[in-house]
Amino acid sequence: MISEIFRETLEHYGITGKQISQISGVSENHISEFRRGKSKTGVSTDVLWKLLEAMEEIRPGSCAYFCSQLAKAGGSKGNIVSELPKQLESLLEMQNFVDGLSDDRLALLLMVVAGRIKNGGKYSCQKSS
């Protein structure tokens, strides 16, 4: 199922296996086998993560689309989350969290994230004295 959704996402965003291969370092043949569901070994968590990062670099938003399609498939075909690599499971949880925020709460979250980035990864919500 994951390979089907991966293939559909590539088609939806017009991304080629060659493009992903160049960025991810994963062979075009391995990507093609995975995309067609013909890979005897599937792909490891690390390889899938590399493919998704490359996909996102090529077409921003494609990784979120992939995750949303997985979430939809999970609702109709059982618990897909248990089959996902831990990084994707976390990404889905974050996406679901963000999707549930009001615009005001989302703006506040973005301010917190921007503050953390600006301060080199450290952010404190405490008032300064």
C-alpha atoms as a PDB file:
ATOM      1  CA  MET A   1       0.000   0.000   0.000  1.00  0.00           C
ATOM      2  CA  ILE A   2       2.812   2.439   0.823  1.00  0.00           C
ATOM      3  CA  SER A   3       4.401   1.885  -2.593  1.00  0.00           C
ATOM      4  CA  GLU A   4       1.044   2.601  -4.299  1.00  0.00           C
ATOM      5  CA  ILE A   5       0.631   5.868  -2.421  1.00  0.00           C
ATOM      6  CA  PHE A   6       4.251   6.784  -3.117  1.00  0.00           C
ATOM      7  CA  ARG A   7       3.725   6.173  -6.859  1.00  0.00           C
ATOM      8  CA  GLU A   8       0.473   8.150  -6.860  1.00  0.00           C
ATOM      9  CA  THR A   9       2.183  11.055  -5.079  1.00  0.00           C
ATOM     10  CA  LEU A  10       4.998  11.120  -7.646  1.00  0.00           C
ATOM     11  CA  GLU A  11       2.455  11.162 -10.467  1.00  0.00           C
ATOM     12  CA  HIS A  12       0.365  13.837  -8.747  1.00  0.00           C
ATOM     13  CA  TYR A  13       3.397  16.134  -8.412  1.00  0.00           C
ATOM     14  CA  GLY A  14       5.087  15.188 -11.697  1.00  0.00           C
ATOM     15  CA  ILE A  15       8.231  13.907  -9.964  1.00  0.00           C
ATOM     16  CA  THR A  16      10.429  11.381 -11.749  1.00  0.00           C
ATOM     17  CA  GLY A  17      12.441   8.551 -10.292  1.00  0.00           C
ATOM     18  CA  LYS A  18      15.528  10.073 -11.887  1.00  0.00           C
ATOM     19  CA  GLN A  19      15.013  13.338 -10.006  1.00  0.00           C
ATOM     20  CA  ILE A  20      14.584  11.537  -6.691  1.00  0.00           C
ATOM     21  CA  SER A  21      17.585   9.314  -7.384  1.00  0.00           C
ATOM     22  CA  GLN A  22      19.844  12.290  -8.057  1.00  0.00           C
ATOM     23  CA  ILE A  23      18.928  13.968  -4.769  1.00  0.00           C
ATOM     24  CA  SER A  24      18.524  10.923  -2.498  1.00  0.00           C
ATOM     25  CA  GLY A  25      21.390   8.787  -3.782  1.00  0.00           C
ATOM     26  CA  VAL A  26      19.023   5.804  -4.081  1.00  0.00           C
ATOM     27  CA  SER A  27      19.346   3.982  -7.413  1.00  0.00           C
ATOM     28  CA  GLU A  28      16.691   4.612 -10.050  1.00  0.00           C
ATOM     29  CA  ASN A  29      16.173   0.849 -10.320  1.00  0.00           C
ATOM     30  CA  HIS A  30      15.451   0.510  -6.589  1.00  0.00           C
ATOM     31  CA  ILE A  31      13.031   3.457  -6.731  1.00  0.00           C
ATOM     32  CA  SER A  32      11.298   1.989  -9.790  1.00  0.00           C
ATOM     33  CA  GLU A  33      10.876  -1.424  -8.151  1.00  0.00           C
ATOM     34  CA  PHE A  34       9.493   0.149  -4.987  1.00  0.00           C
ATOM     35  CA  ARG A  35       7.145   2.433  -6.917  1.00  0.00           C
ATOM     36  CA  ARG A  36       5.747  -0.531  -8.860  1.00  0.00           C
ATOM     37  CA  GLY A  37       5.516  -2.704  -5.747  1.00  0.00           C
ATOM     38  CA  LYS A  38       7.977  -5.168  -7.297  1.00  0.00           C
ATOM     39  CA  SER A  39      10.804  -4.779  -4.800  1.00  0.00           C
ATOM     40  CA  LYS A  40      11.573  -8.147  -3.199  1.00  0.00           C
ATOM     41  CA  THR A  41      12.890  -6.521  -0.048  1.00  0.00           C
ATOM     42  CA  GLY A  42      10.808  -3.323  -0.031  1.00  0.00           C
ATOM     43  CA  VAL A  43      12.611  -0.270   1.276  1.00  0.00           C
ATOM     44  CA  SER A  44      14.111   0.336   4.669  1.00  0.00           C
ATOM     45  CA  THR A  45      12.967   3.144   6.915  1.00  0.00           C
ATOM     46  CA  ASP A  46      16.135   5.077   6.098  1.00  0.00           C
ATOM     47  CA  VAL A  47      15.666   4.702   2.344  1.00  0.00           C
ATOM     48  CA  LEU A  48      12.003   5.684   2.502  1.00  0.00           C
ATOM     49  CA  TRP A  49      12.919   8.739   4.541  1.00  0.00           C
ATOM     50  CA  LYS A  50      15.581   9.720   1.948  1.00  0.00           C
ATOM     51  CA  LEU A  51      13.017   9.331  -0.834  1.00  0.00           C
ATOM     52  CA  LEU A  52      10.469  11.485   0.975  1.00  0.00           C
ATOM     53  CA  GLU A  53      13.037  14.181   1.769  1.00  0.00           C
ATOM     54  CA  ALA A  54      14.119  14.246  -1.892  1.00  0.00           C
ATOM     55  CA  MET A  55      10.493  14.370  -3.022  1.00  0.00           C
ATOM     56  CA  GLU A  56       9.861  17.320  -0.703  1.00  0.00           C
ATOM     57  CA  GLU A  57      12.950  19.135  -1.983  1.00  0.00           C
ATOM     58  CA  ILE A  58      11.769  18.730  -5.575  1.00  0.00           C
ATOM     59  CA  ARG A  59       8.129  19.656  -4.936  1.00  0.00           C
ATOM     60  CA  PRO A  60       7.404  21.271  -1.563  1.00  0.00           C
ATOM     61  CA  GLY A  61       4.180  19.946  -0.106  1.00  0.00           C
ATOM     62  CA  SER A  62       4.537  16.510  -1.658  1.00  0.00           C
ATOM     63  CA  CYS A  63       5.589  14.837   1.596  1.00  0.00           C
ATOM     64  CA  ALA A  64       2.573  16.243   3.437  1.00  0.00           C
ATOM     65  CA  TYR A  65       0.373  15.041   0.566  1.00  0.00           C
ATOM     66  CA  PHE A  66       1.929  11.568   0.820  1.00  0.00           C
ATOM     67  CA  CYS A  67       1.285  11.491   4.570  1.00  0.00           C
ATOM     68  CA  SER A  68      -2.298  12.692   4.175  1.00  0.00           C
ATOM     69  CA  GLN A  69      -2.937   9.966   1.588  1.00  0.00           C
ATOM     70  CA  LEU A  70      -1.514   7.396   4.007  1.00  0.00           C
ATOM     71  CA  ALA A  71      -3.767   8.707   6.749  1.00  0.00           C
ATOM     72  CA  LYS A  72      -6.809   8.443   4.456  1.00  0.00           C
ATOM     73  CA  ALA A  73      -5.846   4.909   3.458  1.00  0.00           C
ATOM     74  CA  GLY A  74      -5.442   4.010   7.113  1.00  0.00           C
ATOM     75  CA  GLY A  75      -9.005   5.047   7.815  1.00  0.00           C
ATOM     76  CA  SER A  76     -10.398   2.775   5.152  1.00  0.00           C
ATOM     77  CA  LYS A  77      -8.013  -0.175   5.270  1.00  0.00           C
ATOM     78  CA  GLY A  78      -7.122  -0.627   8.912  1.00  0.00           C
ATOM     79  CA  ASN A  79      -4.394   0.828  11.067  1.00  0.00           C
ATOM     80  CA  ILE A  80      -1.731   1.991   8.603  1.00  0.00           C
ATOM     81  CA  VAL A  81       0.107   3.988  11.290  1.00  0.00           C
ATOM     82  CA  SER A  82       1.447   0.791  12.851  1.00  0.00           C
ATOM     83  CA  GLU A  83       3.121  -0.032   9.510  1.00  0.00           C
ATOM     84  CA  LEU A  84       4.831   3.332   9.146  1.00  0.00           C
ATOM     85  CA  PRO A  85       8.433   4.127   9.942  1.00  0.00           C
ATOM     86  CA  LYS A  86       8.721   6.072  13.213  1.00  0.00           C
ATOM     87  CA  GLN A  87       9.682   9.318  11.426  1.00  0.00           C
ATOM     88  CA  LEU A  88       6.528   9.190   9.295  1.00  0.00           C
ATOM     89  CA  GLU A  89       4.393   8.260  12.271  1.00  0.00           C
ATOM     90  CA  SER A  90       5.680  11.364  14.048  1.00  0.00           C
ATOM     91  CA  LEU A  91       5.092  13.457  10.947  1.00  0.00           C
ATOM     92  CA  LEU A  92       1.505  12.241  10.714  1.00  0.00           C
ATOM     93  CA  GLU A  93       0.945  13.020  14.381  1.00  0.00           C
ATOM     94  CA  MET A  94       2.328  16.530  13.879  1.00  0.00           C
ATOM     95  CA  GLN A  95       0.235  17.049  10.757  1.00  0.00           C
ATOM     96  CA  ASN A  96      -2.910  15.951  12.573  1.00  0.00           C
ATOM     97  CA  PHE A  97      -2.049  18.266  15.458  1.00  0.00           C
ATOM     98  CA  VAL A  98      -1.456  21.238  13.151  1.00  0.00           C
ATOM     99  CA  ASP A  99      -4.586  20.500  11.124  1.00  0.00           C
ATOM    100  CA  GLY A 100      -6.627  20.710  14.332  1.00  0.00           C
ATOM    101  CA  LEU A 101      -5.359  24.183  15.273  1.00  0.00           C
ATOM    102  CA  SER A 102      -7.355  27.341  14.729  1.00  0.00           C
ATOM    103  CA  ASP A 103      -5.682  30.042  12.629  1.00  0.00           C
ATOM    104  CA  ASP A 104      -4.836  32.005  15.786  1.00  0.00           C
ATOM    105  CA  ARG A 105      -3.247  28.982  17.468  1.00  0.00           C
ATOM    106  CA  LEU A 106      -1.342  28.133  14.292  1.00  0.00           C
ATOM    107  CA  ALA A 107       0.021  31.684  14.128  1.00  0.00           C
ATOM    108  CA  LEU A 108       1.144  31.372  17.740  1.00  0.00           C
ATOM    109  CA  LEU A 109       2.825  28.042  17.033  1.00  0.00           C
ATOM    110  CA  LEU A 110       4.671  29.565  14.064  1.00  0.00           C
ATOM    111  CA  MET A 111       5.886  32.413  16.282  1.00  0.00           C
ATOM    112  CA  VAL A 112       7.232  29.896  18.790  1.00  0.00           C
ATOM    113  CA  VAL A 113       8.987  27.904  16.057  1.00  0.00           C
ATOM    114  CA  ALA A 114      10.446  31.075  14.524  1.00  0.00           C
ATOM    115  CA  GLY A 115      11.683  32.153  17.955  1.00  0.00           C
ATOM    116  CA  ARG A 116      13.355  28.815  18.489  1.00  0.00           C
ATOM    117  CA  ILE A 117      15.070  28.949  15.103  1.00  0.00           C
ATOM    118  CA  LYS A 118      16.180  32.531  15.699  1.00  0.00           C
ATOM    119  CA  ASN A 119      17.693  31.589  19.070  1.00  0.00           C
ATOM    120  CA  GLY A 120      19.695  28.644  17.780  1.00  0.00           C
ATOM    121  CA  GLY A 121      17.310  25.888  18.808  1.00  0.00           C
ATOM    122  CA  LYS A 122      16.536  27.230  22.263  1.00  0.00           C
ATOM    123  CA  TYR A 123      13.275  28.860  23.140  1.00  0.00           C
ATOM    124  CA  SER A 124      11.786  29.749  26.449  1.00  0.00           C
ATOM    125  CA  CYS A 125       8.185  30.753  27.044  1.00  0.00           C
ATOM    126  CA  GLN A 126       9.142  32.299  30.361  1.00  0.00           C
ATOM    127  CA  LYS A 127       8.784  36.046  30.803  1.00  0.00           C
ATOM    128  CA  SER A 128      12.054  37.901  31.111  1.00  0.00           C
ATOM    129  CA  SER A 129      12.625  39.752  34.382  1.00  0.00           C
END
